[in-house]
């Protein structure tokens, strides 16, 4: 049986060797050049983000065919339910 008060030795972690492909953490990576011009990747990311936001907003607003079909089906069910309820009420009045 092992002694619970005696813990096994933990090896020292290996030293971290800096990767030359990773930029120096002292120099912050920005989305602008030294002249203050936005980089191509920054502009591309902004445009893609706005396009994705617009597509999602259109889908949520019901701009696609599936949403329109779902709304039509829901309206049809509501109309049938109202007709059936009116029929039941008429039959109870007799």
PDB file of N, CA and C in Angstrom:
ATOM      1  N   UNK A   1       0.836  -1.164   0.000  1.00  0.00           N
ATOM      2  CA  UNK A   1       0.000   0.000   0.000  1.00  0.00           C
ATOM      3  C   UNK A   1       0.886   1.234   0.000  1.00  0.00           C
ATOM      4  N   UNK A   2       0.447   2.292  -0.727  1.00  0.00           N
ATOM      5  CA  UNK A   2       1.275   3.497  -0.804  1.00  0.00           C
ATOM      6  C   UNK A   2       0.891   4.454   0.307  1.00  0.00           C
ATOM      7  N   UNK A   3       1.848   5.247   0.667  1.00  0.00           N
ATOM      8  CA  UNK A   3       1.656   6.238   1.729  1.00  0.00           C
ATOM      9  C   UNK A   3       0.960   7.460   1.123  1.00  0.00           C
ATOM     10  N   UNK A   4      -0.236   7.832   1.605  1.00  0.00           N
ATOM     11  CA  UNK A   4      -0.956   8.966   1.011  1.00  0.00           C
ATOM     12  C   UNK A   4      -0.284  10.305   1.304  1.00  0.00           C
ATOM     13  N   UNK A   5       0.597  10.361   2.276  1.00  0.00           N
ATOM     14  CA  UNK A   5       1.280  11.626   2.568  1.00  0.00           C
ATOM     15  C   UNK A   5       2.487  11.835   1.681  1.00  0.00           C
ATOM     16  N   UNK A   6       2.927  10.820   0.990  1.00  0.00           N
ATOM     17  CA  UNK A   6       4.090  10.922   0.120  1.00  0.00           C
ATOM     18  C   UNK A   6       3.607  10.925  -1.329  1.00  0.00           C
ATOM     19  N   UNK A   7       3.757  12.042  -2.006  1.00  0.00           N
ATOM     20  CA  UNK A   7       3.309  12.163  -3.385  1.00  0.00           C
ATOM     21  C   UNK A   7       4.455  11.828  -4.331  1.00  0.00           C
ATOM     22  N   UNK A   8       4.169  11.286  -5.485  1.00  0.00           N
ATOM     23  CA  UNK A   8       5.238  10.977  -6.435  1.00  0.00           C
ATOM     24  C   UNK A   8       5.854  12.260  -6.986  1.00  0.00           C
ATOM     25  N   UNK A   9       7.102  12.162  -7.363  1.00  0.00           N
ATOM     26  CA  UNK A   9       7.811  13.323  -7.908  1.00  0.00           C
ATOM     27  C   UNK A   9       7.234  13.687  -9.272  1.00  0.00           C
ATOM     28  N   UNK A  10       7.079  14.975  -9.505  1.00  0.00           N
ATOM     29  CA  UNK A  10       6.577  15.475 -10.776  1.00  0.00           C
ATOM     30  C   UNK A  10       7.782  15.977 -11.562  1.00  0.00           C
ATOM     31  N   UNK A  11       7.951  15.532 -12.804  1.00  0.00           N
ATOM     32  CA  UNK A  11       9.103  15.996 -13.574  1.00  0.00           C
ATOM     33  C   UNK A  11       8.978  17.476 -13.919  1.00  0.00           C
ATOM     34  N   UNK A  12      10.119  18.129 -14.057  1.00  0.00           N
ATOM     35  CA  UNK A  12      10.130  19.539 -14.444  1.00  0.00           C
ATOM     36  C   UNK A  12       9.607  19.666 -15.869  1.00  0.00           C
ATOM     37  N   UNK A  13       8.856  20.741 -16.140  1.00  0.00           N
ATOM     38  CA  UNK A  13       8.356  20.924 -17.508  1.00  0.00           C
ATOM     39  C   UNK A  13       9.519  21.215 -18.454  1.00  0.00           C
ATOM     40  N   UNK A  14       9.322  20.820 -19.705  1.00  0.00           N
ATOM     41  CA  UNK A  14      10.352  21.093 -20.696  1.00  0.00           C
ATOM     42  C   UNK A  14      10.362  22.578 -21.004  1.00  0.00           C
ATOM     43  N   UNK A  15      11.541  23.141 -21.257  1.00  0.00           N
ATOM     44  CA  UNK A  15      11.596  24.574 -21.562  1.00  0.00           C
ATOM     45  C   UNK A  15      10.896  24.866 -22.885  1.00  0.00           C
ATOM     46  N   UNK A  16      10.262  26.017 -22.960  1.00  0.00           N
ATOM     47  CA  UNK A  16       9.540  26.424 -24.151  1.00  0.00           C
ATOM     48  C   UNK A  16      10.528  27.086 -25.108  1.00  0.00           C
ATOM     49  N   UNK A  17      10.606  26.561 -26.309  1.00  0.00           N
ATOM     50  CA  UNK A  17      11.488  27.131 -27.327  1.00  0.00           C
ATOM     51  C   UNK A  17      10.622  28.004 -28.227  1.00  0.00           C
ATOM     52  N   UNK A  18      10.994  29.286 -28.379  1.00  0.00           N
ATOM     53  CA  UNK A  18      10.169  30.163 -29.217  1.00  0.00           C
ATOM     54  C   UNK A  18      10.182  29.725 -30.675  1.00  0.00           C
ATOM     55  N   UNK A  19       9.021  29.787 -31.295  1.00  0.00           N
ATOM     56  CA  UNK A  19       8.864  29.411 -32.700  1.00  0.00           C
ATOM     57  C   UNK A  19       9.193  30.634 -33.550  1.00  0.00           C
ATOM     58  N   UNK A  20      10.122  30.526 -34.498  1.00  0.00           N
ATOM     59  CA  UNK A  20      10.474  31.685 -35.309  1.00  0.00           C
ATOM     60  C   UNK A  20       9.341  32.139 -36.230  1.00  0.00           C
ATOM     61  N   UNK A  21       8.369  31.288 -36.489  1.00  0.00           N
ATOM     62  CA  UNK A  21       7.254  31.671 -37.358  1.00  0.00           C
ATOM     63  C   UNK A  21       6.230  32.540 -36.635  1.00  0.00           C
ATOM     64  N   UNK A  22       6.243  32.515 -35.313  1.00  0.00           N
ATOM     65  CA  UNK A  22       5.296  33.298 -34.522  1.00  0.00           C
ATOM     66  C   UNK A  22       5.866  34.698 -34.344  1.00  0.00           C
ATOM     67  N   UNK A  23       5.052  35.748 -34.570  1.00  0.00           N
ATOM     68  CA  UNK A  23       5.573  37.111 -34.420  1.00  0.00           C
ATOM     69  C   UNK A  23       5.979  37.407 -32.976  1.00  0.00           C
ATOM     70  N   UNK A  24       6.889  38.318 -32.839  1.00  0.00           N
ATOM     71  CA  UNK A  24       7.398  38.725 -31.537  1.00  0.00           C
ATOM     72  C   UNK A  24       6.254  39.342 -30.739  1.00  0.00           C
ATOM     73  N   UNK A  25       6.024  38.876 -29.504  1.00  0.00           N
ATOM     74  CA  UNK A  25       4.897  39.408 -28.737  1.00  0.00           C
ATOM     75  C   UNK A  25       5.050  40.874 -28.369  1.00  0.00           C
ATOM     76  N   UNK A  26       6.256  41.429 -28.499  1.00  0.00           N
ATOM     77  CA  UNK A  26       6.462  42.836 -28.165  1.00  0.00           C
ATOM     78  C   UNK A  26       5.811  43.716 -29.219  1.00  0.00           C
ATOM     79  N   UNK A  27       5.854  43.281 -30.487  1.00  0.00           N
ATOM     80  CA  UNK A  27       5.241  44.046 -31.559  1.00  0.00           C
ATOM     81  C   UNK A  27       3.800  43.588 -31.737  1.00  0.00           C
ATOM     82  N   UNK A  28       2.812  44.425 -31.398  1.00  0.00           N
ATOM     83  CA  UNK A  28       1.425  43.990 -31.563  1.00  0.00           C
ATOM     84  C   UNK A  28       1.066  43.900 -33.047  1.00  0.00           C
ATOM     85  N   UNK A  29       0.337  42.860 -33.392  1.00  0.00           N
ATOM     86  CA  UNK A  29      -0.130  42.689 -34.756  1.00  0.00           C
ATOM     87  C   UNK A  29      -1.432  43.466 -34.879  1.00  0.00           C
ATOM     88  N   UNK A  30      -1.459  44.415 -35.795  1.00  0.00           N
ATOM     89  CA  UNK A  30      -2.654  45.240 -35.969  1.00  0.00           C
ATOM     90  C   UNK A  30      -3.256  45.002 -37.335  1.00  0.00           C
ATOM     91  N   UNK A  31      -4.420  45.540 -37.523  1.00  0.00           N
ATOM     92  CA  UNK A  31      -5.113  45.415 -38.796  1.00  0.00           C
ATOM     93  C   UNK A  31      -4.812  46.582 -39.721  1.00  0.00           C
ATOM     94  N   UNK A  32      -3.877  47.430 -39.332  1.00  0.00           N
ATOM     95  CA  UNK A  32      -3.505  48.586 -40.130  1.00  0.00           C
ATOM     96  C   UNK A  32      -2.006  48.602 -40.365  1.00  0.00           C
ATOM     97  N   UNK A  33      -1.605  49.157 -41.494  1.00  0.00           N
ATOM     98  CA  UNK A  33      -0.187  49.293 -41.775  1.00  0.00           C
ATOM     99  C   UNK A  33       0.369  50.460 -40.969  1.00  0.00           C
ATOM    100  N   UNK A  34       1.665  50.660 -41.057  1.00  0.00           N
ATOM    101  CA  UNK A  34       2.282  51.788 -40.345  1.00  0.00           C
ATOM    102  C   UNK A  34       1.773  53.124 -40.858  1.00  0.00           C
ATOM    103  N   UNK A  35       1.293  53.147 -42.118  1.00  0.00           N
ATOM    104  CA  UNK A  35       0.758  54.386 -42.702  1.00  0.00           C
ATOM    105  C   UNK A  35      -0.697  54.622 -42.326  1.00  0.00           C
ATOM    106  N   UNK A  36      -1.304  53.693 -41.605  1.00  0.00           N
ATOM    107  CA  UNK A  36      -2.689  53.849 -41.181  1.00  0.00           C
ATOM    108  C   UNK A  36      -3.702  53.298 -42.165  1.00  0.00           C
ATOM    109  N   UNK A  37      -3.241  52.503 -43.119  1.00  0.00           N
ATOM    110  CA  UNK A  37      -4.133  51.915 -44.124  1.00  0.00           C
ATOM    111  C   UNK A  37      -4.548  50.532 -43.646  1.00  0.00           C
ATOM    112  N   UNK A  38      -5.848  50.192 -43.720  1.00  0.00           N
ATOM    113  CA  UNK A  38      -6.264  48.847 -43.290  1.00  0.00           C
ATOM    114  C   UNK A  38      -5.689  47.782 -44.215  1.00  0.00           C
ATOM    115  N   UNK A  39      -5.379  46.637 -43.639  1.00  0.00           N
ATOM    116  CA  UNK A  39      -4.837  45.532 -44.426  1.00  0.00           C
ATOM    117  C   UNK A  39      -5.952  44.871 -45.220  1.00  0.00           C
ATOM    118  N   UNK A  40      -5.560  44.134 -46.260  1.00  0.00           N
ATOM    119  CA  UNK A  40      -6.531  43.445 -47.090  1.00  0.00           C
ATOM    120  C   UNK A  40      -7.326  42.429 -46.281  1.00  0.00           C
ATOM    121  N   UNK A  41      -6.657  41.680 -45.423  1.00  0.00           N
ATOM    122  CA  UNK A  41      -7.364  40.662 -44.642  1.00  0.00           C
ATOM    123  C   UNK A  41      -8.372  41.295 -43.687  1.00  0.00           C
ATOM    124  N   UNK A  42      -8.041  42.460 -43.143  1.00  0.00           N
ATOM    125  CA  UNK A  42      -8.969  43.157 -42.251  1.00  0.00           C
ATOM    126  C   UNK A  42     -10.225  43.573 -43.013  1.00  0.00           C
ATOM    127  N   UNK A  43     -10.033  44.162 -44.201  1.00  0.00           N
ATOM    128  CA  UNK A  43     -11.174  44.609 -45.004  1.00  0.00           C
ATOM    129  C   UNK A  43     -12.014  43.413 -45.439  1.00  0.00           C
ATOM    130  N   UNK A  44     -11.357  42.328 -45.863  1.00  0.00           N
ATOM    131  CA  UNK A  44     -12.069  41.124 -46.288  1.00  0.00           C
ATOM    132  C   UNK A  44     -12.907  40.554 -45.131  1.00  0.00           C
ATOM    133  N   UNK A  45     -12.307  40.489 -43.940  1.00  0.00           N
ATOM    134  CA  UNK A  45     -13.035  39.964 -42.778  1.00  0.00           C
ATOM    135  C   UNK A  45     -14.238  40.828 -42.438  1.00  0.00           C
ATOM    136  N   UNK A  46     -14.083  42.146 -42.546  1.00  0.00           N
ATOM    137  CA  UNK A  46     -15.211  43.038 -42.263  1.00  0.00           C
ATOM    138  C   UNK A  46     -16.340  42.843 -43.263  1.00  0.00           C
ATOM    139  N   UNK A  47     -15.990  42.724 -44.552  1.00  0.00           N
ATOM    140  CA  UNK A  47     -17.010  42.533 -45.582  1.00  0.00           C
ATOM    141  C   UNK A  47     -17.712  41.197 -45.396  1.00  0.00           C
ATOM    142  N   UNK A  48     -16.950  40.133 -45.141  1.00  0.00           N
ATOM    143  CA  UNK A  48     -17.556  38.813 -44.925  1.00  0.00           C
ATOM    144  C   UNK A  48     -18.443  38.813 -43.693  1.00  0.00           C
ATOM    145  N   UNK A  49     -18.035  39.518 -42.647  1.00  0.00           N
ATOM    146  CA  UNK A  49     -18.843  39.595 -41.436  1.00  0.00           C
ATOM    147  C   UNK A  49     -20.153  40.318 -41.682  1.00  0.00           C
ATOM    148  N   UNK A  50     -20.084  41.410 -42.437  1.00  0.00           N
ATOM    149  CA  UNK A  50     -21.311  42.150 -42.735  1.00  0.00           C
ATOM    150  C   UNK A  50     -22.239  41.347 -43.635  1.00  0.00           C
ATOM    151  N   UNK A  51     -21.676  40.625 -44.597  1.00  0.00           N
ATOM    152  CA  UNK A  51     -22.495  39.805 -45.484  1.00  0.00           C
ATOM    153  C   UNK A  51     -23.179  38.690 -44.698  1.00  0.00           C
ATOM    154  N   UNK A  52     -22.454  38.075 -43.771  1.00  0.00           N
ATOM    155  CA  UNK A  52     -23.043  37.018 -42.949  1.00  0.00           C
ATOM    156  C   UNK A  52     -24.143  37.565 -42.057  1.00  0.00           C
ATOM    157  N   UNK A  53     -23.927  38.743 -41.493  1.00  0.00           N
ATOM    158  CA  UNK A  53     -24.938  39.371 -40.648  1.00  0.00           C
ATOM    159  C   UNK A  53     -26.188  39.693 -41.459  1.00  0.00           C
ATOM    160  N   UNK A  54     -26.008  40.220 -42.657  1.00  0.00           N
ATOM    161  CA  UNK A  54     -27.153  40.549 -43.509  1.00  0.00           C
ATOM    162  C   UNK A  54     -27.928  39.297 -43.904  1.00  0.00           C
ATOM    163  N   UNK A  55     -27.209  38.221 -44.249  1.00  0.00           N
ATOM    164  CA  UNK A  55     -27.888  36.978 -44.625  1.00  0.00           C
ATOM    165  C   UNK A  55     -28.672  36.408 -43.452  1.00  0.00           C
ATOM    166  N   UNK A  56     -28.095  36.468 -42.263  1.00  0.00           N
ATOM    167  CA  UNK A  56     -28.787  35.954 -41.080  1.00  0.00           C
ATOM    168  C   UNK A  56     -30.006  36.802 -40.755  1.00  0.00           C
ATOM    169  N   UNK A  57     -29.882  38.111 -40.880  1.00  0.00           N
ATOM    170  CA  UNK A  57     -31.021  38.990 -40.603  1.00  0.00           C
ATOM    171  C   UNK A  57     -32.149  38.743 -41.597  1.00  0.00           C
ATOM    172  N   UNK A  58     -31.792  38.532 -42.863  1.00  0.00           N
ATOM    173  CA  UNK A  58     -32.821  38.246 -43.875  1.00  0.00           C
ATOM    174  C   UNK A  58     -33.518  36.926 -43.572  1.00  0.00           C
ATOM    175  N   UNK A  59     -32.749  35.931 -43.161  1.00  0.00           N
ATOM    176  CA  UNK A  59     -33.347  34.642 -42.838  1.00  0.00           C
ATOM    177  C   UNK A  59     -34.268  34.754 -41.630  1.00  0.00           C
ATOM    178  N   UNK A  60     -33.839  35.499 -40.617  1.00  0.00           N
ATOM    179  CA  UNK A  60     -34.684  35.674 -39.437  1.00  0.00           C
ATOM    180  C   UNK A  60     -35.939  36.469 -39.762  1.00  0.00           C
ATOM    181  N   UNK A  61     -35.848  37.378 -40.716  1.00  0.00           N
ATOM    182  CA  UNK A  61     -37.004  38.188 -41.098  1.00  0.00           C
ATOM    183  C   UNK A  61     -37.965  37.418 -41.994  1.00  0.00           C
ATOM    184  N   UNK A  62     -37.580  36.228 -42.410  1.00  0.00           N
ATOM    185  CA  UNK A  62     -38.464  35.421 -43.233  1.00  0.00           C
ATOM    186  C   UNK A  62     -38.298  35.677 -44.706  1.00  0.00           C
ATOM    187  N   UNK A  63     -37.116  36.070 -45.119  1.00  0.00           N
ATOM    188  CA  UNK A  63     -36.871  36.378 -46.513  1.00  0.00           C
ATOM    189  C   UNK A  63     -36.614  35.175 -47.389  1.00  0.00           C
ATOM    190  N   UNK A  64     -36.536  33.994 -46.836  1.00  0.00           N
ATOM    191  CA  UNK A  64     -36.276  32.829 -47.684  1.00  0.00           C
ATOM    192  C   UNK A  64     -37.559  32.037 -47.920  1.00  0.00           C
ATOM    193  N   UNK A  65     -37.520  31.147 -48.876  1.00  0.00           N
ATOM    194  CA  UNK A  65     -38.718  30.399 -49.286  1.00  0.00           C
ATOM    195  C   UNK A  65     -39.220  29.474 -48.186  1.00  0.00           C
ATOM    196  N   UNK A  66     -38.300  28.844 -47.453  1.00  0.00           N
ATOM    197  CA  UNK A  66     -38.730  27.928 -46.386  1.00  0.00           C
ATOM    198  C   UNK A  66     -39.500  28.663 -45.294  1.00  0.00           C
ATOM    199  N   UNK A  67     -39.067  29.863 -44.960  1.00  0.00           N
ATOM    200  CA  UNK A  67     -39.772  30.629 -43.933  1.00  0.00           C
ATOM    201  C   UNK A  67     -41.163  31.021 -44.424  1.00  0.00           C
ATOM    202  N   UNK A  68     -41.271  31.396 -45.696  1.00  0.00           N
ATOM    203  CA  UNK A  68     -42.577  31.766 -46.249  1.00  0.00           C
ATOM    204  C   UNK A  68     -43.516  30.559 -46.262  1.00  0.00           C
ATOM    205  N   UNK A  69     -42.980  29.385 -46.625  1.00  0.00           N
ATOM    206  CA  UNK A  69     -43.800  28.168 -46.608  1.00  0.00           C
ATOM    207  C   UNK A  69     -44.256  27.827 -45.199  1.00  0.00           C
ATOM    208  N   UNK A  70     -43.382  27.999 -44.233  1.00  0.00           N
ATOM    209  CA  UNK A  70     -43.741  27.710 -42.843  1.00  0.00           C
ATOM    210  C   UNK A  70     -44.824  28.665 -42.358  1.00  0.00           C
ATOM    211  N   UNK A  71     -44.711  29.939 -42.739  1.00  0.00           N
ATOM    212  CA  UNK A  71     -45.734  30.914 -42.342  1.00  0.00           C
ATOM    213  C   UNK A  71     -47.078  30.561 -42.978  1.00  0.00           C
ATOM    214  N   UNK A  72     -47.068  30.162 -44.248  1.00  0.00           N
ATOM    215  CA  UNK A  72     -48.312  29.795 -44.932  1.00  0.00           C
ATOM    216  C   UNK A  72     -48.943  28.566 -44.275  1.00  0.00           C
ATOM    217  N   UNK A  73     -48.128  27.578 -43.952  1.00  0.00           N
ATOM    218  CA  UNK A  73     -48.648  26.368 -43.304  1.00  0.00           C
ATOM    219  C   UNK A  73     -49.236  26.695 -41.936  1.00  0.00           C
ATOM    220  N   UNK A  74     -48.565  27.566 -41.192  1.00  0.00           N
ATOM    221  CA  UNK A  74     -49.065  27.955 -39.876  1.00  0.00           C
ATOM    222  C   UNK A  74     -50.399  28.685 -40.009  1.00  0.00           C
ATOM    223  N   UNK A  75     -50.486  29.606 -40.968  1.00  0.00           N
ATOM    224  CA  UNK A  75     -51.732  30.350 -41.176  1.00  0.00           C
ATOM    225  C   UNK A  75     -52.866  29.405 -41.567  1.00  0.00           C
ATOM    226  N   UNK A  76     -52.570  28.417 -42.413  1.00  0.00           N
ATOM    227  CA  UNK A  76     -53.587  27.438 -42.822  1.00  0.00           C
ATOM    228  C   UNK A  76     -54.076  26.625 -41.626  1.00  0.00           C
ATOM    229  N   UNK A  77     -53.157  26.187 -40.761  1.00  0.00           N
ATOM    230  CA  UNK A  77     -53.556  25.441 -39.552  1.00  0.00           C
ATOM    231  C   UNK A  77     -54.409  26.304 -38.631  1.00  0.00           C
ATOM    232  N   UNK A  78     -54.028  27.556 -38.482  1.00  0.00           N
ATOM    233  CA  UNK A  78     -54.809  28.459 -37.636  1.00  0.00           C
ATOM    234  C   UNK A  78     -56.222  28.651 -38.198  1.00  0.00           C
ATOM    235  N   UNK A  79     -56.347  28.794 -39.521  1.00  0.00           N
ATOM    236  CA  UNK A  79     -57.653  28.973 -40.143  1.00  0.00           C
ATOM    237  C   UNK A  79     -58.507  27.728 -39.947  1.00  0.00           C
ATOM    238  N   UNK A  80     -57.900  26.547 -40.156  1.00  0.00           N
ATOM    239  CA  UNK A  80     -58.650  25.298 -39.967  1.00  0.00           C
ATOM    240  C   UNK A  80     -59.074  25.125 -38.512  1.00  0.00           C
ATOM    241  N   UNK A  81     -58.210  25.506 -37.581  1.00  0.00           N
ATOM    242  CA  UNK A  81     -58.555  25.392 -36.167  1.00  0.00           C
ATOM    243  C   UNK A  81     -59.719  26.325 -35.824  1.00  0.00           C
ATOM    244  N   UNK A  82     -59.688  27.545 -36.373  1.00  0.00           N
ATOM    245  CA  UNK A  82     -60.776  28.491 -36.109  1.00  0.00           C
ATOM    246  C   UNK A  82     -62.078  27.989 -36.716  1.00  0.00           C
ATOM    247  N   UNK A  83     -62.022  27.422 -37.921  1.00  0.00           N
ATOM    248  CA  UNK A  83     -63.229  26.873 -38.550  1.00  0.00           C
ATOM    249  C   UNK A  83     -63.794  25.714 -37.727  1.00  0.00           C
ATOM    250  N   UNK A  84     -62.932  24.841 -37.267  1.00  0.00           N
ATOM    251  CA  UNK A  84     -63.378  23.683 -36.466  1.00  0.00           C
ATOM    252  C   UNK A  84     -63.989  24.153 -35.149  1.00  0.00           C
ATOM    253  N   UNK A  85     -63.372  25.149 -34.516  1.00  0.00           N
ATOM    254  CA  UNK A  85     -63.909  25.679 -33.258  1.00  0.00           C
ATOM    255  C   UNK A  85     -65.290  26.297 -33.488  1.00  0.00           C
ATOM    256  N   UNK A  86     -65.447  27.026 -34.584  1.00  0.00           N
ATOM    257  CA  UNK A  86     -66.759  27.613 -34.892  1.00  0.00           C
ATOM    258  C   UNK A  86     -67.790  26.517 -35.134  1.00  0.00           C
ATOM    259  N   UNK A  87     -67.381  25.444 -35.813  1.00  0.00           N
ATOM    260  CA  UNK A  87     -68.290  24.322 -36.057  1.00  0.00           C
ATOM    261  C   UNK A  87     -68.719  23.668 -34.751  1.00  0.00           C
ATOM    262  N   UNK A  88     -67.807  23.478 -33.823  1.00  0.00           N
ATOM    263  CA  UNK A  88     -68.120  22.880 -32.520  1.00  0.00           C
ATOM    264  C   UNK A  88     -69.072  23.774 -31.744  1.00  0.00           C
ATOM    265  N   UNK A  89     -68.833  25.070 -31.785  1.00  0.00           N
ATOM    266  CA  UNK A  89     -69.714  26.002 -31.075  1.00  0.00           C
ATOM    267  C   UNK A  89     -71.117  25.983 -31.660  1.00  0.00           C
ATOM    268  N   UNK A  90     -71.211  25.920 -32.991  1.00  0.00           N
ATOM    269  CA  UNK A  90     -72.542  25.854 -33.625  1.00  0.00           C
ATOM    270  C   UNK A  90     -73.279  24.577 -33.223  1.00  0.00           C
ATOM    271  N   UNK A  91     -72.560  23.466 -33.150  1.00  0.00           N
ATOM    272  CA  UNK A  91     -73.202  22.190 -32.808  1.00  0.00           C
ATOM    273  C   UNK A  91     -73.653  22.198 -31.353  1.00  0.00           C
ATOM    274  N   UNK A  92     -73.004  22.951 -30.479  1.00  0.00           N
ATOM    275  CA  UNK A  92     -73.401  22.996 -29.072  1.00  0.00           C
ATOM    276  C   UNK A  92     -74.601  23.903 -28.853  1.00  0.00           C
ATOM    277  N   UNK A  93     -74.862  24.831 -29.780  1.00  0.00           N
ATOM    278  CA  UNK A  93     -75.988  25.744 -29.630  1.00  0.00           C
ATOM    279  C   UNK A  93     -77.307  25.071 -30.016  1.00  0.00           C
ATOM    280  N   UNK A  94     -77.265  23.987 -30.724  1.00  0.00           N
ATOM    281  CA  UNK A  94     -78.492  23.333 -31.184  1.00  0.00           C
ATOM    282  C   UNK A  94     -79.214  22.657 -30.077  1.00  0.00           C
TER     283      UNK A  94
END
